Amino acid sequence: MEAWTLILNRSTGQWGMPYPGKSRDLARIDIDSGLQRKTVDPFTIAFESQSDNPATLSLEWEGWRAVLGVVKQH
């Protein structure tokens, strides 16, 4: 496994623009990633149901997969 950082940015519509830096970050979350057997193209973001968590956020591209457990807050 390799650690990645998921960055949620406050700004939208930035396709193709340089990363504006931490000043526009809403959140930075460390997530685990690793190689998988299948190749995925194009880049895929999905929420998957899990028995022990409300959901898992899955990010896949080429041979990589990163996952983050999503917890429901009351």
PDB file of N, CA and C in Angstrom:
ATOM      1  N   MET A   1       0.831  -1.185   0.000  1.00  0.00           N
ATOM      2  CA  MET A   1       0.000   0.000   0.000  1.00  0.00           C
ATOM      3  C   MET A   1       0.876   1.250   0.000  1.00  0.00           C
ATOM      4  N   GLU A   2       0.361   2.260  -0.629  1.00  0.00           N
ATOM      5  CA  GLU A   2       1.041   3.548  -0.705  1.00  0.00           C
ATOM      6  C   GLU A   2       0.066   4.615  -0.226  1.00  0.00           C
ATOM      7  N   ALA A   3       0.521   5.586   0.526  1.00  0.00           N
ATOM      8  CA  ALA A   3      -0.356   6.644   1.018  1.00  0.00           C
ATOM      9  C   ALA A   3      -0.509   7.742  -0.036  1.00  0.00           C
ATOM     10  N   TRP A   4      -1.739   8.123  -0.285  1.00  0.00           N
ATOM     11  CA  TRP A   4      -2.064   9.247  -1.153  1.00  0.00           C
ATOM     12  C   TRP A   4      -2.772  10.295  -0.312  1.00  0.00           C
ATOM     13  N   THR A   5      -2.868  11.507  -0.815  1.00  0.00           N
ATOM     14  CA  THR A   5      -3.637  12.555  -0.158  1.00  0.00           C
ATOM     15  C   THR A   5      -4.774  12.973  -1.085  1.00  0.00           C
ATOM     16  N   LEU A   6      -6.002  12.804  -0.605  1.00  0.00           N
ATOM     17  CA  LEU A   6      -7.188  13.260  -1.329  1.00  0.00           C
ATOM     18  C   LEU A   6      -7.401  14.718  -0.937  1.00  0.00           C
ATOM     19  N   ILE A   7      -7.426  15.608  -1.929  1.00  0.00           N
ATOM     20  CA  ILE A   7      -7.599  17.035  -1.663  1.00  0.00           C
ATOM     21  C   ILE A   7      -8.949  17.469  -2.219  1.00  0.00           C
ATOM     22  N   LEU A   8      -9.797  17.991  -1.333  1.00  0.00           N
ATOM     23  CA  LEU A   8     -11.072  18.566  -1.739  1.00  0.00           C
ATOM     24  C   LEU A   8     -10.887  20.077  -1.779  1.00  0.00           C
ATOM     25  N   ASN A   9     -11.126  20.655  -2.954  1.00  0.00           N
ATOM     26  CA  ASN A   9     -10.881  22.076  -3.178  1.00  0.00           C
ATOM     27  C   ASN A   9     -12.195  22.850  -3.151  1.00  0.00           C
ATOM     28  N   ARG A  10     -12.171  24.076  -2.642  1.00  0.00           N
ATOM     29  CA  ARG A  10     -13.366  24.922  -2.574  1.00  0.00           C
ATOM     30  C   ARG A  10     -13.821  25.406  -3.955  1.00  0.00           C
ATOM     31  N   SER A  11     -12.911  25.538  -4.885  1.00  0.00           N
ATOM     32  CA  SER A  11     -13.212  26.095  -6.200  1.00  0.00           C
ATOM     33  C   SER A  11     -13.700  25.009  -7.159  1.00  0.00           C
ATOM     34  N   THR A  12     -14.556  25.393  -8.084  1.00  0.00           N
ATOM     35  CA  THR A  12     -15.015  24.481  -9.124  1.00  0.00           C
ATOM     36  C   THR A  12     -14.617  25.041 -10.487  1.00  0.00           C
ATOM     37  N   GLY A  13     -14.756  24.238 -11.519  1.00  0.00           N
ATOM     38  CA  GLY A  13     -14.478  24.698 -12.872  1.00  0.00           C
ATOM     39  C   GLY A  13     -13.013  24.931 -13.153  1.00  0.00           C
ATOM     40  N   GLN A  14     -12.132  24.152 -12.544  1.00  0.00           N
ATOM     41  CA  GLN A  14     -10.698  24.380 -12.700  1.00  0.00           C
ATOM     42  C   GLN A  14     -10.035  23.415 -13.667  1.00  0.00           C
ATOM     43  N   TRP A  15     -10.774  22.753 -14.485  1.00  0.00           N
ATOM     44  CA  TRP A  15     -10.191  21.759 -15.370  1.00  0.00           C
ATOM     45  C   TRP A  15      -9.031  22.342 -16.169  1.00  0.00           C
ATOM     46  N   GLY A  16      -7.872  21.702 -16.050  1.00  0.00           N
ATOM     47  CA  GLY A  16      -6.709  22.124 -16.819  1.00  0.00           C
ATOM     48  C   GLY A  16      -5.912  23.266 -16.206  1.00  0.00           C
ATOM     49  N   MET A  17      -6.341  23.749 -15.043  1.00  0.00           N
ATOM     50  CA  MET A  17      -5.627  24.848 -14.395  1.00  0.00           C
ATOM     51  C   MET A  17      -4.574  24.294 -13.448  1.00  0.00           C
ATOM     52  N   PRO A  18      -3.514  25.028 -13.184  1.00  0.00           N
ATOM     53  CA  PRO A  18      -2.538  24.587 -12.176  1.00  0.00           C
ATOM     54  C   PRO A  18      -3.178  24.541 -10.784  1.00  0.00           C
ATOM     55  N   TYR A  19      -2.678  23.660  -9.932  1.00  0.00           N
ATOM     56  CA  TYR A  19      -3.165  23.559  -8.556  1.00  0.00           C
ATOM     57  C   TYR A  19      -2.916  24.880  -7.849  1.00  0.00           C
ATOM     58  N   PRO A  20      -3.985  25.499  -7.276  1.00  0.00           N
ATOM     59  CA  PRO A  20      -3.832  26.830  -6.681  1.00  0.00           C
ATOM     60  C   PRO A  20      -3.147  26.846  -5.320  1.00  0.00           C
ATOM     61  N   GLY A  21      -2.865  25.695  -4.756  1.00  0.00           N
ATOM     62  CA  GLY A  21      -2.199  25.646  -3.460  1.00  0.00           C
ATOM     63  C   GLY A  21      -3.192  25.442  -2.321  1.00  0.00           C
ATOM     64  N   LYS A  22      -2.650  25.268  -1.134  1.00  0.00           N
ATOM     65  CA  LYS A  22      -3.450  24.921   0.037  1.00  0.00           C
ATOM     66  C   LYS A  22      -4.469  25.982   0.437  1.00  0.00           C
ATOM     67  N   SER A  23      -4.335  27.197  -0.026  1.00  0.00           N
ATOM     68  CA  SER A  23      -5.250  28.266   0.395  1.00  0.00           C
ATOM     69  C   SER A  23      -6.694  27.987  -0.021  1.00  0.00           C
ATOM     70  N   ARG A  24      -6.932  27.198  -1.054  1.00  0.00           N
ATOM     71  CA  ARG A  24      -8.285  26.879  -1.522  1.00  0.00           C
ATOM     72  C   ARG A  24      -8.731  25.476  -1.093  1.00  0.00           C
ATOM     73  N   ASP A  25      -7.934  24.762  -0.301  1.00  0.00           N
ATOM     74  CA  ASP A  25      -8.294  23.414   0.140  1.00  0.00           C
ATOM     75  C   ASP A  25      -9.416  23.465   1.172  1.00  0.00           C
ATOM     76  N   LEU A  26     -10.409  22.632   0.985  1.00  0.00           N
ATOM     77  CA  LEU A  26     -11.463  22.450   1.965  1.00  0.00           C
ATOM     78  C   LEU A  26     -11.053  21.358   2.950  1.00  0.00           C
ATOM     79  N   ALA A  27     -10.404  20.295   2.417  1.00  0.00           N
ATOM     80  CA  ALA A  27      -9.930  19.197   3.268  1.00  0.00           C
ATOM     81  C   ALA A  27      -8.792  18.465   2.569  1.00  0.00           C
ATOM     82  N   ARG A  28      -7.898  17.893   3.371  1.00  0.00           N
ATOM     83  CA  ARG A  28      -6.807  17.039   2.894  1.00  0.00           C
ATOM     84  C   ARG A  28      -6.889  15.753   3.719  1.00  0.00           C
ATOM     85  N   ILE A  29      -7.098  14.623   3.055  1.00  0.00           N
ATOM     86  CA  ILE A  29      -7.333  13.358   3.744  1.00  0.00           C
ATOM     87  C   ILE A  29      -6.346  12.320   3.222  1.00  0.00           C
ATOM     88  N   ASP A  30      -5.574  11.713   4.128  1.00  0.00           N
ATOM     89  CA  ASP A  30      -4.664  10.633   3.734  1.00  0.00           C
ATOM     90  C   ASP A  30      -5.466   9.362   3.501  1.00  0.00           C
ATOM     91  N   ILE A  31      -5.213   8.701   2.376  1.00  0.00           N
ATOM     92  CA  ILE A  31      -5.900   7.458   2.047  1.00  0.00           C
ATOM     93  C   ILE A  31      -4.887   6.428   1.574  1.00  0.00           C
ATOM     94  N   ASP A  32      -5.234   5.153   1.720  1.00  0.00           N
ATOM     95  CA  ASP A  32      -4.376   4.066   1.254  1.00  0.00           C
ATOM     96  C   ASP A  32      -4.649   3.779  -0.209  1.00  0.00           C
ATOM     97  N   SER A  33      -3.614   3.455  -0.936  1.00  0.00           N
ATOM     98  CA  SER A  33      -3.767   3.076  -2.341  1.00  0.00           C
ATOM     99  C   SER A  33      -2.822   1.921  -2.631  1.00  0.00           C
ATOM    100  N   GLY A  34      -3.093   1.241  -3.723  1.00  0.00           N
ATOM    101  CA  GLY A  34      -2.235   0.149  -4.113  1.00  0.00           C
ATOM    102  C   GLY A  34      -2.544  -0.304  -5.526  1.00  0.00           C
ATOM    103  N   LEU A  35      -1.682  -1.145  -6.043  1.00  0.00           N
ATOM    104  CA  LEU A  35      -1.893  -1.689  -7.375  1.00  0.00           C
ATOM    105  C   LEU A  35      -2.971  -2.756  -7.322  1.00  0.00           C
ATOM    106  N   GLN A  36      -3.724  -2.883  -8.408  1.00  0.00           N
ATOM    107  CA  GLN A  36      -4.736  -3.922  -8.526  1.00  0.00           C
ATOM    108  C   GLN A  36      -4.503  -4.692  -9.813  1.00  0.00           C
ATOM    109  N   ARG A  37      -5.137  -5.834  -9.924  1.00  0.00           N
ATOM    110  CA  ARG A  37      -4.921  -6.700 -11.093  1.00  0.00           C
ATOM    111  C   ARG A  37      -5.530  -6.145 -12.370  1.00  0.00           C
ATOM    112  N   LYS A  38      -6.682  -5.487 -12.241  1.00  0.00           N
ATOM    113  CA  LYS A  38      -7.342  -4.978 -13.446  1.00  0.00           C
ATOM    114  C   LYS A  38      -6.883  -3.557 -13.763  1.00  0.00           C
ATOM    115  N   THR A  39      -6.996  -3.194 -15.025  1.00  0.00           N
ATOM    116  CA  THR A  39      -6.681  -1.847 -15.474  1.00  0.00           C
ATOM    117  C   THR A  39      -7.987  -1.105 -15.718  1.00  0.00           C
ATOM    118  N   VAL A  40      -8.091   0.103 -15.190  1.00  0.00           N
ATOM    119  CA  VAL A  40      -9.305   0.898 -15.319  1.00  0.00           C
ATOM    120  C   VAL A  40      -8.969   2.185 -16.064  1.00  0.00           C
ATOM    121  N   ASP A  41      -9.706   2.444 -17.124  1.00  0.00           N
ATOM    122  CA  ASP A  41      -9.562   3.689 -17.866  1.00  0.00           C
ATOM    123  C   ASP A  41     -10.925   4.002 -18.451  1.00  0.00           C
ATOM    124  N   PRO A  42     -11.523   5.101 -18.220  1.00  0.00           N
ATOM    125  CA  PRO A  42     -10.965   6.311 -17.650  1.00  0.00           C
ATOM    126  C   PRO A  42     -10.988   6.306 -16.125  1.00  0.00           C
ATOM    127  N   PHE A  43     -10.457   7.369 -15.545  1.00  0.00           N
ATOM    128  CA  PHE A  43     -10.459   7.564 -14.105  1.00  0.00           C
ATOM    129  C   PHE A  43     -11.888   7.387 -13.588  1.00  0.00           C
ATOM    130  N   THR A  44     -12.057   6.589 -12.527  1.00  0.00           N
ATOM    131  CA  THR A  44     -13.382   6.252 -12.008  1.00  0.00           C
ATOM    132  C   THR A  44     -13.484   6.580 -10.522  1.00  0.00           C
ATOM    133  N   ILE A  45     -14.557   7.257 -10.146  1.00  0.00           N
ATOM    134  CA  ILE A  45     -14.879   7.545  -8.749  1.00  0.00           C
ATOM    135  C   ILE A  45     -16.207   6.874  -8.464  1.00  0.00           C
ATOM    136  N   ALA A  46     -16.271   6.067  -7.391  1.00  0.00           N
ATOM    137  CA  ALA A  46     -17.512   5.358  -7.077  1.00  0.00           C
ATOM    138  C   ALA A  46     -17.689   5.236  -5.571  1.00  0.00           C
ATOM    139  N   PHE A  47     -18.939   5.187  -5.143  1.00  0.00           N
ATOM    140  CA  PHE A  47     -19.284   4.857  -3.766  1.00  0.00           C
ATOM    141  C   PHE A  47     -19.798   3.431  -3.761  1.00  0.00           C
ATOM    142  N   GLU A  48     -19.253   2.604  -2.875  1.00  0.00           N
ATOM    143  CA  GLU A  48     -19.628   1.201  -2.798  1.00  0.00           C
ATOM    144  C   GLU A  48     -20.201   0.916  -1.415  1.00  0.00           C
ATOM    145  N   SER A  49     -21.283   0.135  -1.355  1.00  0.00           N
ATOM    146  CA  SER A  49     -21.870  -0.255  -0.070  1.00  0.00           C
ATOM    147  C   SER A  49     -20.963  -1.241   0.631  1.00  0.00           C
ATOM    148  N   GLN A  50     -20.853  -1.095   1.939  1.00  0.00           N
ATOM    149  CA  GLN A  50     -20.049  -1.994   2.764  1.00  0.00           C
ATOM    150  C   GLN A  50     -20.879  -2.400   3.970  1.00  0.00           C
ATOM    151  N   SER A  51     -20.670  -3.611   4.474  1.00  0.00           N
ATOM    152  CA  SER A  51     -21.435  -4.063   5.638  1.00  0.00           C
ATOM    153  C   SER A  51     -20.987  -3.374   6.926  1.00  0.00           C
ATOM    154  N   ASP A  52     -19.708  -3.023   7.024  1.00  0.00           N
ATOM    155  CA  ASP A  52     -19.194  -2.417   8.254  1.00  0.00           C
ATOM    156  C   ASP A  52     -19.124  -0.891   8.211  1.00  0.00           C
ATOM    157  N   ASN A  53     -19.331  -0.273   7.061  1.00  0.00           N
ATOM    158  CA  ASN A  53     -19.348   1.180   6.890  1.00  0.00           C
ATOM    159  C   ASN A  53     -20.556   1.546   6.040  1.00  0.00           C
ATOM    160  N   PRO A  54     -21.081   2.755   6.185  1.00  0.00           N
ATOM    161  CA  PRO A  54     -22.164   3.161   5.284  1.00  0.00           C
ATOM    162  C   PRO A  54     -21.743   3.092   3.812  1.00  0.00           C
ATOM    163  N   ALA A  55     -20.484   3.424   3.532  1.00  0.00           N
ATOM    164  CA  ALA A  55     -20.003   3.374   2.146  1.00  0.00           C
ATOM    165  C   ALA A  55     -18.476   3.461   2.121  1.00  0.00           C
ATOM    166  N   THR A  56     -17.921   3.110   0.976  1.00  0.00           N
ATOM    167  CA  THR A  56     -16.498   3.281   0.721  1.00  0.00           C
ATOM    168  C   THR A  56     -16.356   4.084  -0.563  1.00  0.00           C
ATOM    169  N   LEU A  57     -15.544   5.135  -0.518  1.00  0.00           N
ATOM    170  CA  LEU A  57     -15.231   5.914  -1.705  1.00  0.00           C
ATOM    171  C   LEU A  57     -14.066   5.225  -2.391  1.00  0.00           C
ATOM    172  N   SER A  58     -14.239   4.883  -3.650  1.00  0.00           N
ATOM    173  CA  SER A  58     -13.221   4.176  -4.425  1.00  0.00           C
ATOM    174  C   SER A  58     -12.757   5.059  -5.574  1.00  0.00           C
ATOM    175  N   LEU A  59     -11.442   5.233  -5.708  1.00  0.00           N
ATOM    176  CA  LEU A  59     -10.831   5.983  -6.806  1.00  0.00           C
ATOM    177  C   LEU A  59      -9.957   5.004  -7.579  1.00  0.00           C
ATOM    178  N   GLU A  60     -10.228   4.821  -8.874  1.00  0.00           N
ATOM    179  CA  GLU A  60      -9.458   3.867  -9.681  1.00  0.00           C
ATOM    180  C   GLU A  60      -8.994   4.514 -10.981  1.00  0.00           C
ATOM    181  N   TRP A  61      -7.762   4.185 -11.344  1.00  0.00           N
ATOM    182  CA  TRP A  61      -7.222   4.652 -12.615  1.00  0.00           C
ATOM    183  C   TRP A  61      -6.023   3.798 -12.973  1.00  0.00           C
ATOM    184  N   GLU A  62      -5.976   3.390 -14.228  1.00  0.00           N
ATOM    185  CA  GLU A  62      -4.957   2.473 -14.715  1.00  0.00           C
ATOM    186  C   GLU A  62      -4.890   1.281 -13.772  1.00  0.00           C
ATOM    187  N   GLY A  63      -3.752   0.963 -13.179  1.00  0.00           N
ATOM    188  CA  GLY A  63      -3.644  -0.183 -12.294  1.00  0.00           C
ATOM    189  C   GLY A  63      -3.758   0.162 -10.821  1.00  0.00           C
ATOM    190  N   TRP A  64      -4.165   1.404 -10.507  1.00  0.00           N
ATOM    191  CA  TRP A  64      -4.211   1.869  -9.118  1.00  0.00           C
ATOM    192  C   TRP A  64      -5.624   1.914  -8.583  1.00  0.00           C
ATOM    193  N   ARG A  65      -5.746   1.684  -7.271  1.00  0.00           N
ATOM    194  CA  ARG A  65      -7.029   1.810  -6.570  1.00  0.00           C
ATOM    195  C   ARG A  65      -6.752   2.410  -5.203  1.00  0.00           C
ATOM    196  N   ALA A  66      -7.502   3.435  -4.844  1.00  0.00           N
ATOM    197  CA  ALA A  66      -7.437   4.051  -3.521  1.00  0.00           C
ATOM    198  C   ALA A  66      -8.838   4.021  -2.926  1.00  0.00           C
ATOM    199  N   VAL A  67      -8.926   3.734  -1.627  1.00  0.00           N
ATOM    200  CA  VAL A  67     -10.234   3.639  -0.977  1.00  0.00           C
ATOM    201  C   VAL A  67     -10.249   4.440   0.318  1.00  0.00           C
ATOM    202  N   LEU A  68     -11.438   4.941   0.648  1.00  0.00           N
ATOM    203  CA  LEU A  68     -11.641   5.707   1.855  1.00  0.00           C
ATOM    204  C   LEU A  68     -12.997   5.342   2.434  1.00  0.00           C
ATOM    205  N   GLY A  69     -13.031   4.900   3.675  1.00  0.00           N
ATOM    206  CA  GLY A  69     -14.289   4.604   4.343  1.00  0.00           C
ATOM    207  C   GLY A  69     -15.031   5.896   4.654  1.00  0.00           C
ATOM    208  N   VAL A  70     -16.323   5.925   4.355  1.00  0.00           N
ATOM    209  CA  VAL A  70     -17.153   7.081   4.616  1.00  0.00           C
ATOM    210  C   VAL A  70     -18.039   6.751   5.810  1.00  0.00           C
ATOM    211  N   VAL A  71     -18.014   7.599   6.824  1.00  0.00           N
ATOM    212  CA  VAL A  71     -18.768   7.366   8.056  1.00  0.00           C
ATOM    213  C   VAL A  71     -19.913   8.361   8.147  1.00  0.00           C
ATOM    214  N   LYS A  72     -21.083   7.863   8.453  1.00  0.00           N
ATOM    215  CA  LYS A  72     -22.254   8.716   8.628  1.00  0.00           C
ATOM    216  C   LYS A  72     -22.203   9.368   9.997  1.00  0.00           C
ATOM    217  N   GLN A  73     -22.334  10.691  10.036  1.00  0.00           N
ATOM    218  CA  GLN A  73     -22.352  11.413  11.300  1.00  0.00           C
ATOM    219  C   GLN A  73     -23.785  11.782  11.642  1.00  0.00           C
ATOM    220  N   HIS A  74     -24.099  11.729  12.903  1.00  0.00           N
ATOM    221  CA  HIS A  74     -25.461  12.047  13.346  1.00  0.00           C
ATOM    222  C   HIS A  74     -25.538  13.467  13.819  1.00  0.00           C
TER     223      HIS A  74
END
